[in-house]
C-alpha atoms as a PDB file:
ATOM      1  CA  UNK A   1     -11.673  10.080  91.336  1.00  0.00           C
ATOM      2  CA  UNK A   2     -12.542  13.781  91.184  1.00  0.00           C
ATOM      3  CA  UNK A   3     -12.952  16.460  88.522  1.00  0.00           C
ATOM      4  CA  UNK A   4      -9.453  17.797  89.220  1.00  0.00           C
ATOM      5  CA  UNK A   5      -8.038  14.330  88.434  1.00  0.00           C
ATOM      6  CA  UNK A   6      -9.533  14.071  84.943  1.00  0.00           C
ATOM      7  CA  UNK A   7     -10.022  17.671  83.824  1.00  0.00           C
ATOM      8  CA  UNK A   8      -8.206  19.037  80.802  1.00  0.00           C
ATOM      9  CA  UNK A   9      -6.185  22.165  81.480  1.00  0.00           C
ATOM     10  CA  UNK A  10      -5.181  22.885  77.899  1.00  0.00           C
ATOM     11  CA  UNK A  11      -8.276  24.606  76.525  1.00  0.00           C
ATOM     12  CA  UNK A  12      -9.194  27.532  74.329  1.00  0.00           C
ATOM     13  CA  UNK A  13     -10.962  30.622  75.592  1.00  0.00           C
ATOM     14  CA  UNK A  14     -12.542  33.547  73.804  1.00  0.00           C
ATOM     15  CA  UNK A  15     -13.968  36.902  74.843  1.00  0.00           C
ATOM     16  CA  UNK A  16     -17.704  37.655  74.431  1.00  0.00           C
ATOM     17  CA  UNK A  17     -17.009  40.638  72.155  1.00  0.00           C
ATOM     18  CA  UNK A  18     -15.028  38.487  69.680  1.00  0.00           C
ATOM     19  CA  UNK A  19     -16.476  37.579  66.311  1.00  0.00           C
ATOM     20  CA  UNK A  20     -18.185  34.196  65.974  1.00  0.00           C
ATOM     21  CA  UNK A  21     -15.926  33.513  63.010  1.00  0.00           C
ATOM     22  CA  UNK A  22     -12.942  33.574  65.407  1.00  0.00           C
ATOM     23  CA  UNK A  23     -14.662  31.047  67.686  1.00  0.00           C
ATOM     24  CA  UNK A  24     -15.392  28.843  64.661  1.00  0.00           C
ATOM     25  CA  UNK A  25     -11.697  28.930  63.753  1.00  0.00           C
ATOM     26  CA  UNK A  26     -10.637  28.016  67.313  1.00  0.00           C
ATOM     27  CA  UNK A  27     -12.920  24.983  67.235  1.00  0.00           C
ATOM     28  CA  UNK A  28     -11.950  23.995  63.684  1.00  0.00           C
ATOM     29  CA  UNK A  29      -8.210  24.269  64.388  1.00  0.00           C
ATOM     30  CA  UNK A  30      -8.400  22.738  67.898  1.00  0.00           C
ATOM     31  CA  UNK A  31      -5.889  20.056  68.796  1.00  0.00           C
ATOM     32  CA  UNK A  32      -7.062  16.496  69.345  1.00  0.00           C
ATOM     33  CA  UNK A  33      -6.589  15.353  72.946  1.00  0.00           C
ATOM     34  CA  UNK A  34      -3.946  12.646  73.321  1.00  0.00           C
ATOM     35  CA  UNK A  35      -5.979  10.336  75.565  1.00  0.00           C
ATOM     36  CA  UNK A  36      -9.132  10.192  73.461  1.00  0.00           C
ATOM     37  CA  UNK A  37      -8.174  11.656  70.088  1.00  0.00           C
ATOM     38  CA  UNK A  38     -11.229  13.937  70.186  1.00  0.00           C
ATOM     39  CA  UNK A  39     -11.115  17.564  69.143  1.00  0.00           C
ATOM     40  CA  UNK A  40     -12.847  20.284  71.172  1.00  0.00           C
ATOM     41  CA  UNK A  41     -16.550  20.738  70.502  1.00  0.00           C
ATOM     42  CA  UNK A  42     -16.689  24.241  71.955  1.00  0.00           C
ATOM     43  CA  UNK A  43     -14.852  27.129  73.555  1.00  0.00           C
ATOM     44  CA  UNK A  44     -15.281  28.691  76.983  1.00  0.00           C
ATOM     45  CA  UNK A  45     -16.185  32.385  76.928  1.00  0.00           C
ATOM     46  CA  UNK A  46     -14.489  34.506  79.597  1.00  0.00           C
ATOM     47  CA  UNK A  47     -14.739  38.180  80.521  1.00  0.00           C
ATOM     48  CA  UNK A  48     -11.806  40.598  80.902  1.00  0.00           C
ATOM     49  CA  UNK A  49     -11.090  39.218  84.403  1.00  0.00           C
ATOM     50  CA  UNK A  50     -10.985  35.616  83.172  1.00  0.00           C
ATOM     51  CA  UNK A  51     -14.360  34.692  84.682  1.00  0.00           C
ATOM     52  CA  UNK A  52     -16.519  32.180  82.823  1.00  0.00           C
ATOM     53  CA  UNK A  53     -19.550  33.908  81.263  1.00  0.00           C
ATOM     54  CA  UNK A  54     -20.639  31.362  78.657  1.00  0.00           C
ATOM     55  CA  UNK A  55     -19.790  28.621  76.179  1.00  0.00           C
ATOM     56  CA  UNK A  56     -19.938  28.608  72.406  1.00  0.00           C
ATOM     57  CA  UNK A  57     -20.122  25.278  70.582  1.00  0.00           C
ATOM     58  CA  UNK A  58     -20.334  23.844  67.097  1.00  0.00           C
ATOM     59  CA  UNK A  59     -24.076  23.479  67.645  1.00  0.00           C
ATOM     60  CA  UNK A  60     -24.471  27.165  68.578  1.00  0.00           C
ATOM     61  CA  UNK A  61     -22.565  28.209  65.465  1.00  0.00           C
ATOM     62  CA  UNK A  62     -24.331  25.837  63.079  1.00  0.00           C
ATOM     63  CA  UNK A  63     -27.734  26.815  64.454  1.00  0.00           C
ATOM     64  CA  UNK A  64     -27.073  30.484  63.720  1.00  0.00           C
ATOM     65  CA  UNK A  65     -25.317  30.060  60.370  1.00  0.00           C
ATOM     66  CA  UNK A  66     -28.560  28.800  58.826  1.00  0.00           C
ATOM     67  CA  UNK A  67     -30.630  31.409  57.000  1.00  0.00           C
ATOM     68  CA  UNK A  68     -33.488  32.508  59.298  1.00  0.00           C
ATOM     69  CA  UNK A  69     -36.251  31.016  57.142  1.00  0.00           C
ATOM     70  CA  UNK A  70     -34.696  27.542  57.475  1.00  0.00           C
ATOM     71  CA  UNK A  71     -35.362  27.567  61.217  1.00  0.00           C
ATOM     72  CA  UNK A  72     -39.071  27.369  60.409  1.00  0.00           C
ATOM     73  CA  UNK A  73     -39.004  25.417  57.146  1.00  0.00           C
ATOM     74  CA  UNK A  74     -40.470  21.937  57.103  1.00  0.00           C
ATOM     75  CA  UNK A  75     -38.901  19.403  54.779  1.00  0.00           C
ATOM     76  CA  UNK A  76     -36.185  19.944  52.215  1.00  0.00           C
ATOM     77  CA  UNK A  77     -35.757  22.519  49.552  1.00  0.00           C
ATOM     78  CA  UNK A  78     -33.132  24.471  47.686  1.00  0.00           C
ATOM     79  CA  UNK A  79     -34.351  27.982  48.466  1.00  0.00           C
ATOM     80  CA  UNK A  80     -31.343  28.492  50.760  1.00  0.00           C
ATOM     81  CA  UNK A  81     -28.940  28.292  47.829  1.00  0.00           C
ATOM     82  CA  UNK A  82     -30.144  31.674  46.631  1.00  0.00           C
ATOM     83  CA  UNK A  83     -29.523  33.259  50.039  1.00  0.00           C
ATOM     84  CA  UNK A  84     -26.386  31.552  51.304  1.00  0.00           C
ATOM     85  CA  UNK A  85     -23.806  34.133  50.184  1.00  0.00           C
ATOM     86  CA  UNK A  86     -25.864  36.993  51.587  1.00  0.00           C
ATOM     87  CA  UNK A  87     -26.431  35.201  54.887  1.00  0.00           C
ATOM     88  CA  UNK A  88     -22.789  34.191  55.345  1.00  0.00           C
ATOM     89  CA  UNK A  89     -21.827  37.836  54.854  1.00  0.00           C
ATOM     90  CA  UNK A  90     -24.206  38.831  57.679  1.00  0.00           C
ATOM     91  CA  UNK A  91     -22.765  36.020  59.828  1.00  0.00           C
ATOM     92  CA  UNK A  92     -19.301  37.638  59.667  1.00  0.00           C
ATOM     93  CA  UNK A  93     -20.454  40.451  61.969  1.00  0.00           C
ATOM     94  CA  UNK A  94     -22.060  38.212  64.602  1.00  0.00           C
ATOM     95  CA  UNK A  95     -20.439  38.371  68.056  1.00  0.00           C
ATOM     96  CA  UNK A  96     -19.854  35.450  70.428  1.00  0.00           C
ATOM     97  CA  UNK A  97     -22.054  37.111  73.076  1.00  0.00           C
ATOM     98  CA  UNK A  98     -24.953  37.088  70.594  1.00  0.00           C
ATOM     99  CA  UNK A  99     -25.114  33.292  70.352  1.00  0.00           C
ATOM    100  CA  UNK A 100     -23.192  31.796  73.304  1.00  0.00           C
ATOM    101  CA  UNK A 101     -24.928  29.582  75.845  1.00  0.00           C
ATOM    102  CA  UNK A 102     -25.211  31.215  79.242  1.00  0.00           C
ATOM    103  CA  UNK A 103     -25.341  30.590  82.152  1.00  0.00           C
ATOM    104  CA  UNK A 104     -23.079  27.560  82.099  1.00  0.00           C
ATOM    105  CA  UNK A 105     -23.379  24.455  84.254  1.00  0.00           C
ATOM    106  CA  UNK A 106     -20.026  23.936  85.997  1.00  0.00           C
ATOM    107  CA  UNK A 107     -18.221  21.476  88.235  1.00  0.00           C
ATOM    108  CA  UNK A 108     -16.037  22.022  91.270  1.00  0.00           C
ATOM    109  CA  UNK A 109     -12.476  20.616  91.316  1.00  0.00           C
ATOM    110  CA  UNK A 110     -13.476  18.285  94.180  1.00  0.00           C
ATOM    111  CA  UNK A 111     -16.669  16.937  92.562  1.00  0.00           C
ATOM    112  CA  UNK A 112     -16.587  13.120  92.546  1.00  0.00           C
ATOM    113  CA  UNK A 113     -16.775  11.426  89.131  1.00  0.00           C
ATOM    114  CA  UNK A 114     -20.310  10.189  89.899  1.00  0.00           C
ATOM    115  CA  UNK A 115     -21.392  13.798  90.582  1.00  0.00           C
ATOM    116  CA  UNK A 116     -19.991  14.651  87.139  1.00  0.00           C
ATOM    117  CA  UNK A 117     -21.845  11.716  85.553  1.00  0.00           C
ATOM    118  CA  UNK A 118     -25.083  12.794  87.213  1.00  0.00           C
ATOM    119  CA  UNK A 119     -24.752  16.456  86.137  1.00  0.00           C
ATOM    120  CA  UNK A 120     -23.816  15.565  82.572  1.00  0.00           C
ATOM    121  CA  UNK A 121     -26.502  12.930  82.039  1.00  0.00           C
ATOM    122  CA  UNK A 122     -29.337  14.834  83.739  1.00  0.00           C
ATOM    123  CA  UNK A 123     -28.526  18.036  81.849  1.00  0.00           C
ATOM    124  CA  UNK A 124     -27.493  16.377  78.561  1.00  0.00           C
ATOM    125  CA  UNK A 125     -24.143  18.193  78.405  1.00  0.00           C
ATOM    126  CA  UNK A 126     -20.914  16.884  76.959  1.00  0.00           C
ATOM    127  CA  UNK A 127     -18.540  19.149  78.841  1.00  0.00           C
ATOM    128  CA  UNK A 128     -18.354  20.843  82.222  1.00  0.00           C
ATOM    129  CA  UNK A 129     -16.027  23.748  82.940  1.00  0.00           C
ATOM    130  CA  UNK A 130     -14.309  23.255  86.287  1.00  0.00           C
ATOM    131  CA  UNK A 131     -14.200  26.333  88.462  1.00  0.00           C
ATOM    132  CA  UNK A 132     -13.806  27.237  92.095  1.00  0.00           C
ATOM    133  CA  UNK A 133     -15.580  30.507  92.775  1.00  0.00           C
ATOM    134  CA  UNK A 134     -14.588  32.786  89.910  1.00  0.00           C
ATOM    135  CA  UNK A 135     -11.389  30.906  89.034  1.00  0.00           C
ATOM    136  CA  UNK A 136     -11.459  28.670  85.960  1.00  0.00           C
ATOM    137  CA  UNK A 137      -9.348  25.512  86.422  1.00  0.00           C
ATOM    138  CA  UNK A 138     -10.142  23.333  83.422  1.00  0.00           C
ATOM    139  CA  UNK A 139     -12.846  21.419  81.625  1.00  0.00           C
ATOM    140  CA  UNK A 140     -14.170  17.875  81.925  1.00  0.00           C
ATOM    141  CA  UNK A 141     -15.422  16.101  78.818  1.00  0.00           C
ATOM    142  CA  UNK A 142     -18.055  13.356  78.822  1.00  0.00           C
ATOM    143  CA  UNK A 143     -15.700  11.127  76.822  1.00  0.00           C
ATOM    144  CA  UNK A 144     -13.047  11.450  79.548  1.00  0.00           C
ATOM    145  CA  UNK A 145     -15.582  10.707  82.300  1.00  0.00           C
ATOM    146  CA  UNK A 146     -16.621   7.588  80.373  1.00  0.00           C
ATOM    147  CA  UNK A 147     -12.997   6.571  79.737  1.00  0.00           C
ATOM    148  CA  UNK A 148     -12.016   6.876  83.412  1.00  0.00           C
ATOM    149  CA  UNK A 149     -15.176   5.128  84.636  1.00  0.00           C
ATOM    150  CA  UNK A 150     -14.590   2.216  82.279  1.00  0.00           C
ATOM    151  CA  UNK A 151     -10.910   2.087  83.265  1.00  0.00           C
ATOM    152  CA  UNK A 152     -11.991   1.571  86.892  1.00  0.00           C
ATOM    153  CA  UNK A 153     -14.229  -1.331  85.796  1.00  0.00           C
ATOM    154  CA  UNK A 154     -11.300  -2.944  83.971  1.00  0.00           C
ATOM    155  CA  UNK A 155      -9.063  -2.570  87.010  1.00  0.00           C
ATOM    156  CA  UNK A 156     -11.767  -4.292  89.088  1.00  0.00           C
ATOM    157  CA  UNK A 157     -11.487  -7.367  86.865  1.00  0.00           C
ATOM    158  CA  UNK A 158     -14.474  -6.646  84.629  1.00  0.00           C
ATOM    159  CA  UNK A 159     -13.951  -7.318  80.937  1.00  0.00           C
ATOM    160  CA  UNK A 160     -15.765  -6.606  77.694  1.00  0.00           C
END
């Protein structure tokens, strides 16, 4: 089984000069995948020629939505409550390119499923865009890699 056999081709993209709020909406309103029922965790960022230049995820957004002092604060506290409205207003002007992850680890359409497992586990990533050169083909999710690997075990007579 290869990346092209399990990749998802229905995915959202966004441009680097878009507002982070737009990316947050794409993730929030994303459709659950039929096979797994999971919603997208992130969005691929592409330039004007459709080339992959980054990824923006829920983690990227949540990390940056926190008021700056909370990134260094130890323990709890309610100081943020006084700043939240002000900070969310500043967040409205943040661009995707300001917080996206780049460069992005990718897979090739012909990468074997065990190559995908190795890349994902070693690099602690939950999704791999699939591209050949500069052309974006799809995205492989860790949950789908797991599902297809387990399905092979079941077909081989292994049971829970």
